[in-house]
């Protein structure tokens, strides 16, 4: 069985890869996917802490963190819809998805 440290290591690695992608990449779609990867790393951390924290009275895992992940995923789904709509609107207005070419809000 995997330990809490292994889950946290994988979560930290996913977050670091996502952060590097946000900083290094210039394609707005890739940046958006890296932001989602960072959000998934945070969700993995919540689930790991929730799974390994037991209720002292019953000895069962505390599922509060896992319930919070459901709400985070719901908000992330709405964020993806809005974010992709903004990206499509930017592409239609500017004909580019390069972050460096999108310096001003006016077209």
Protein backbone atom coordinates (compact mmCIF):
# COMPACT_ATOMS: atom_id res chain seq x y z
CA UNK A 1 0.00 0.00 0.00
CA UNK A 2 1.23 3.47 -0.84
CA UNK A 3 2.10 5.85 1.97
CA UNK A 4 1.09 9.46 2.43
CA UNK A 5 4.59 10.60 1.50
CA UNK A 6 4.36 8.86 -1.87
CA UNK A 7 1.05 10.54 -2.66
CA UNK A 8 2.43 13.91 -1.63
CA UNK A 9 5.54 13.35 -3.75
CA UNK A 10 3.43 12.57 -6.83
CA UNK A 11 1.22 15.57 -6.10
CA UNK A 12 4.22 17.86 -5.72
CA UNK A 13 5.72 16.50 -8.93
CA UNK A 14 2.47 17.11 -10.84
CA UNK A 15 2.25 20.62 -9.43
CA UNK A 16 5.88 21.36 -10.37
CA UNK A 17 5.36 20.09 -13.93
CA UNK A 18 2.23 22.23 -14.24
CA UNK A 19 4.01 25.30 -12.88
CA UNK A 20 6.92 24.79 -15.26
CA UNK A 21 4.45 24.49 -18.14
CA UNK A 22 2.73 27.73 -17.17
CA UNK A 23 6.04 29.58 -16.94
CA UNK A 24 7.81 28.12 -20.00
CA UNK A 25 5.13 27.47 -22.61
CA UNK A 26 3.67 30.18 -24.84
CA UNK A 27 0.67 28.36 -26.29
CA UNK A 28 -2.43 29.45 -24.39
CA UNK A 29 -4.04 25.99 -24.68
CA UNK A 30 -0.97 24.32 -23.12
CA UNK A 31 -0.89 26.95 -20.36
CA UNK A 32 -4.56 26.26 -19.67
CA UNK A 33 -3.91 22.49 -19.49
CA UNK A 34 -0.98 23.06 -17.12
CA UNK A 35 -3.23 25.12 -14.84
CA UNK A 36 -5.66 22.21 -14.78
CA UNK A 37 -2.78 19.87 -13.92
CA UNK A 38 -1.90 22.09 -10.96
CA UNK A 39 -5.53 21.97 -9.81
CA UNK A 40 -5.49 18.16 -10.07
CA UNK A 41 -2.33 18.05 -7.96
CA UNK A 42 -4.08 20.06 -5.26
CA UNK A 43 -7.05 17.67 -5.44
CA UNK A 44 -4.73 14.69 -5.06
CA UNK A 45 -3.25 16.29 -1.94
CA UNK A 46 -6.72 16.82 -0.47
CA UNK A 47 -7.71 13.21 -1.14
CA UNK A 48 -4.44 11.86 0.27
CA UNK A 49 -4.74 13.82 3.50
CA UNK A 50 -8.40 12.86 3.77
CA UNK A 51 -7.62 9.17 3.26
CA UNK A 52 -4.78 8.99 5.76
CA UNK A 53 -6.49 11.06 8.47
CA UNK A 54 -8.71 8.81 10.56
CA UNK A 55 -11.49 9.77 12.94
CA UNK A 56 -10.26 9.05 16.48
CA UNK A 57 -13.70 7.92 17.67
CA UNK A 58 -14.49 5.39 14.94
CA UNK A 59 -11.12 4.70 13.33
CA UNK A 60 -12.64 5.30 9.88
CA UNK A 61 -11.11 7.65 7.30
CA UNK A 62 -12.27 11.26 7.37
CA UNK A 63 -14.03 11.90 4.07
CA UNK A 64 -14.38 15.69 4.39
CA UNK A 65 -11.44 16.35 2.07
CA UNK A 66 -12.85 14.00 -0.55
CA UNK A 67 -16.19 15.79 -0.43
CA UNK A 68 -14.38 19.08 -0.93
CA UNK A 69 -12.70 17.63 -4.03
CA UNK A 70 -16.15 17.03 -5.57
CA UNK A 71 -16.94 20.73 -5.19
CA UNK A 72 -13.53 21.72 -6.59
CA UNK A 73 -14.07 19.47 -9.62
CA UNK A 74 -17.50 21.04 -10.18
CA UNK A 75 -16.03 24.54 -10.10
CA UNK A 76 -13.18 23.40 -12.37
CA UNK A 77 -15.68 22.13 -14.95
CA UNK A 78 -17.34 25.54 -15.05
CA UNK A 79 -13.91 27.19 -15.24
CA UNK A 80 -12.95 25.01 -18.22
CA UNK A 81 -16.11 25.99 -20.09
CA UNK A 82 -15.54 29.71 -19.49
CA UNK A 83 -11.79 29.49 -20.15
CA UNK A 84 -12.20 27.67 -23.45
CA UNK A 85 -14.85 30.17 -24.52
CA UNK A 86 -12.44 33.03 -23.83
CA UNK A 87 -9.66 31.23 -25.73
CA UNK A 88 -11.93 30.67 -28.74
CA UNK A 89 -13.00 34.33 -28.67
CA UNK A 90 -9.36 35.45 -28.52
CA UNK A 91 -8.46 33.20 -31.43
CA UNK A 92 -11.33 34.53 -33.53
CA UNK A 93 -10.35 38.12 -32.81
CA UNK A 94 -6.56 37.80 -33.15
CA UNK A 95 -6.00 34.60 -35.21
CA UNK A 96 -3.30 33.47 -32.75
CA UNK A 97 -3.04 31.47 -29.55
CA UNK A 98 0.49 32.60 -28.71
CA UNK A 99 0.59 34.29 -25.31
CA UNK A 100 3.27 36.78 -26.41
CA UNK A 101 1.04 38.08 -29.22
CA UNK A 102 -1.83 38.77 -26.80
CA UNK A 103 -0.35 41.81 -25.06
CA UNK A 104 -3.38 44.11 -25.09
CA UNK A 105 -7.06 43.52 -24.60
CA UNK A 106 -8.05 45.71 -27.54
CA UNK A 107 -7.95 44.26 -31.05
